[in-house]
Amino acid sequence: MERDLDLVLFGATGYVGALTARYLASHAPTEMRIAVAGRSPDKLRQARDALGAAAGGGT
């Protein structure tokens, strides 16, 4: 089965979620496709932008 994403991180704008996102951005294999999810699109954009180039910038 072909999947668009390998992992979806729910709660990425919270404390533990942000730590997890930062860890994944710097340690996950580059070919791994990871998405962040949460209730606030604005907070998600901020969280993604804080990860820098490793985040890829997709929406």
N, C-alpha and C. Protein backbone atom coordinates (compact mmCIF):
# COMPACT_ATOMS: atom_id res chain seq x y z
N MET A 1 0.84 -1.17 0.00
CA MET A 1 0.00 0.00 0.00
C MET A 1 0.90 1.24 0.00
N GLU A 2 0.63 2.18 -0.87
CA GLU A 2 1.36 3.44 -0.95
C GLU A 2 0.70 4.47 -0.04
N ARG A 3 1.49 5.16 0.77
CA ARG A 3 0.96 6.16 1.69
C ARG A 3 1.59 7.51 1.39
N ASP A 4 0.83 8.58 1.62
CA ASP A 4 1.34 9.93 1.43
C ASP A 4 2.31 10.33 2.54
N LEU A 5 2.06 9.85 3.76
CA LEU A 5 2.86 10.22 4.92
C LEU A 5 3.28 8.98 5.69
N ASP A 6 4.42 9.09 6.35
CA ASP A 6 4.89 8.00 7.20
C ASP A 6 4.44 8.18 8.64
N LEU A 7 4.27 9.44 9.08
CA LEU A 7 3.92 9.71 10.46
C LEU A 7 3.18 11.03 10.55
N VAL A 8 2.15 11.10 11.39
CA VAL A 8 1.45 12.34 11.68
C VAL A 8 1.58 12.59 13.17
N LEU A 9 2.16 13.75 13.50
CA LEU A 9 2.36 14.12 14.90
C LEU A 9 1.22 15.03 15.32
N PHE A 10 0.30 14.50 16.11
CA PHE A 10 -0.83 15.29 16.63
C PHE A 10 -0.38 16.03 17.88
N GLY A 11 -0.87 17.25 18.06
CA GLY A 11 -0.51 18.04 19.23
C GLY A 11 0.86 18.69 19.11
N ALA A 12 1.26 19.00 17.90
CA ALA A 12 2.61 19.53 17.66
C ALA A 12 2.82 20.93 18.23
N THR A 13 1.76 21.61 18.65
CA THR A 13 1.93 22.97 19.18
C THR A 13 2.06 22.98 20.70
N GLY A 14 1.85 21.86 21.34
CA GLY A 14 2.03 21.77 22.79
C GLY A 14 3.49 21.57 23.15
N TYR A 15 3.76 21.54 24.44
CA TYR A 15 5.14 21.44 24.91
C TYR A 15 5.82 20.15 24.43
N VAL A 16 5.21 19.01 24.74
CA VAL A 16 5.81 17.72 24.37
C VAL A 16 5.79 17.55 22.85
N GLY A 17 4.71 17.99 22.21
CA GLY A 17 4.63 17.88 20.76
C GLY A 17 5.71 18.68 20.06
N ALA A 18 5.99 19.89 20.57
CA ALA A 18 7.04 20.72 19.97
C ALA A 18 8.41 20.08 20.16
N LEU A 19 8.65 19.50 21.34
CA LEU A 19 9.92 18.80 21.56
C LEU A 19 10.06 17.61 20.62
N THR A 20 8.97 16.87 20.44
CA THR A 20 8.98 15.72 19.55
C THR A 20 9.22 16.15 18.11
N ALA A 21 8.55 17.21 17.68
CA ALA A 21 8.72 17.72 16.31
C ALA A 21 10.17 18.14 16.09
N ARG A 22 10.76 18.83 17.06
CA ARG A 22 12.15 19.26 16.93
C ARG A 22 13.08 18.05 16.83
N TYR A 23 12.82 17.03 17.65
CA TYR A 23 13.64 15.82 17.60
C TYR A 23 13.51 15.14 16.24
N LEU A 24 12.28 14.99 15.76
CA LEU A 24 12.07 14.34 14.47
C LEU A 24 12.72 15.12 13.33
N ALA A 25 12.63 16.45 13.39
CA ALA A 25 13.21 17.28 12.33
C ALA A 25 14.72 17.09 12.23
N SER A 26 15.36 16.81 13.35
CA SER A 26 16.81 16.68 13.31
C SER A 26 17.32 15.23 13.28
N HIS A 27 16.46 14.26 13.59
CA HIS A 27 16.92 12.87 13.67
C HIS A 27 16.25 11.89 12.72
N ALA A 28 15.10 12.22 12.19
CA ALA A 28 14.39 11.28 11.31
C ALA A 28 15.12 11.18 9.97
N PRO A 29 15.04 10.04 9.31
CA PRO A 29 15.64 9.92 7.98
C PRO A 29 15.04 10.96 7.02
N THR A 30 15.85 11.49 6.14
CA THR A 30 15.40 12.56 5.25
C THR A 30 14.27 12.12 4.32
N GLU A 31 14.20 10.84 4.01
CA GLU A 31 13.13 10.37 3.12
C GLU A 31 11.81 10.13 3.84
N MET A 32 11.81 10.24 5.16
CA MET A 32 10.58 10.04 5.94
C MET A 32 9.68 11.26 5.81
N ARG A 33 8.42 11.05 5.50
CA ARG A 33 7.45 12.13 5.32
C ARG A 33 6.61 12.25 6.59
N ILE A 34 6.79 13.39 7.29
CA ILE A 34 6.14 13.61 8.58
C ILE A 34 5.27 14.85 8.48
N ALA A 35 4.09 14.77 9.06
CA ALA A 35 3.18 15.93 9.11
C ALA A 35 2.92 16.28 10.56
N VAL A 36 2.65 17.57 10.80
CA VAL A 36 2.23 18.01 12.13
C VAL A 36 0.74 18.34 12.06
N ALA A 37 0.04 18.07 13.14
CA ALA A 37 -1.40 18.30 13.18
C ALA A 37 -1.78 18.92 14.52
N GLY A 38 -2.84 19.70 14.48
CA GLY A 38 -3.34 20.34 15.69
C GLY A 38 -4.59 21.13 15.37
N ARG A 39 -5.11 21.84 16.35
CA ARG A 39 -6.37 22.56 16.18
C ARG A 39 -6.20 23.94 15.56
N SER A 40 -5.05 24.58 15.73
CA SER A 40 -4.86 25.95 15.28
C SER A 40 -3.91 26.02 14.08
N PRO A 41 -4.42 26.35 12.90
CA PRO A 41 -3.54 26.46 11.73
C PRO A 41 -2.42 27.49 11.93
N ASP A 42 -2.70 28.60 12.60
CA ASP A 42 -1.67 29.61 12.83
C ASP A 42 -0.55 29.09 13.72
N LYS A 43 -0.92 28.40 14.79
CA LYS A 43 0.09 27.84 15.69
C LYS A 43 0.89 26.74 14.99
N LEU A 44 0.22 25.96 14.13
CA LEU A 44 0.93 24.92 13.39
C LEU A 44 1.96 25.52 12.44
N ARG A 45 1.58 26.61 11.75
CA ARG A 45 2.53 27.29 10.86
C ARG A 45 3.73 27.79 11.65
N GLN A 46 3.48 28.37 12.81
CA GLN A 46 4.57 28.87 13.65
C GLN A 46 5.47 27.72 14.11
N ALA A 47 4.87 26.61 14.50
CA ALA A 47 5.65 25.46 14.94
C ALA A 47 6.48 24.91 13.79
N ARG A 48 5.89 24.81 12.60
CA ARG A 48 6.63 24.33 11.44
C ARG A 48 7.75 25.27 11.08
N ASP A 49 7.48 26.57 11.08
CA ASP A 49 8.51 27.55 10.73
C ASP A 49 9.67 27.55 11.72
N ALA A 50 9.39 27.27 12.98
CA ALA A 50 10.42 27.22 14.00
C ALA A 50 11.38 26.06 13.79
N LEU A 51 10.96 25.06 13.01
CA LEU A 51 11.81 23.90 12.76
C LEU A 51 12.87 24.18 11.69
N GLY A 52 12.70 25.26 10.95
CA GLY A 52 13.68 25.61 9.93
C GLY A 52 13.57 24.76 8.67
N ALA A 53 14.67 24.66 7.96
CA ALA A 53 14.70 23.99 6.66
C ALA A 53 14.33 22.51 6.75
N ALA A 54 14.57 21.88 7.87
CA ALA A 54 14.27 20.45 8.03
C ALA A 54 12.78 20.17 7.92
N ALA A 55 11.94 21.20 8.15
CA ALA A 55 10.50 21.00 8.13
C ALA A 55 9.94 20.90 6.72
N GLY A 56 10.62 21.37 5.74
CA GLY A 56 10.16 21.25 4.36
C GLY A 56 9.16 22.30 3.93
N GLY A 57 8.40 22.86 4.82
CA GLY A 57 7.49 23.95 4.51
C GLY A 57 6.24 23.60 3.75
N GLY A 58 5.84 22.32 3.66
CA GLY A 58 4.59 21.96 3.00
C GLY A 58 3.39 22.32 3.84
N THR A 59 2.24 22.54 3.22
CA THR A 59 1.03 22.83 3.98
C THR A 59 -0.03 21.81 3.74
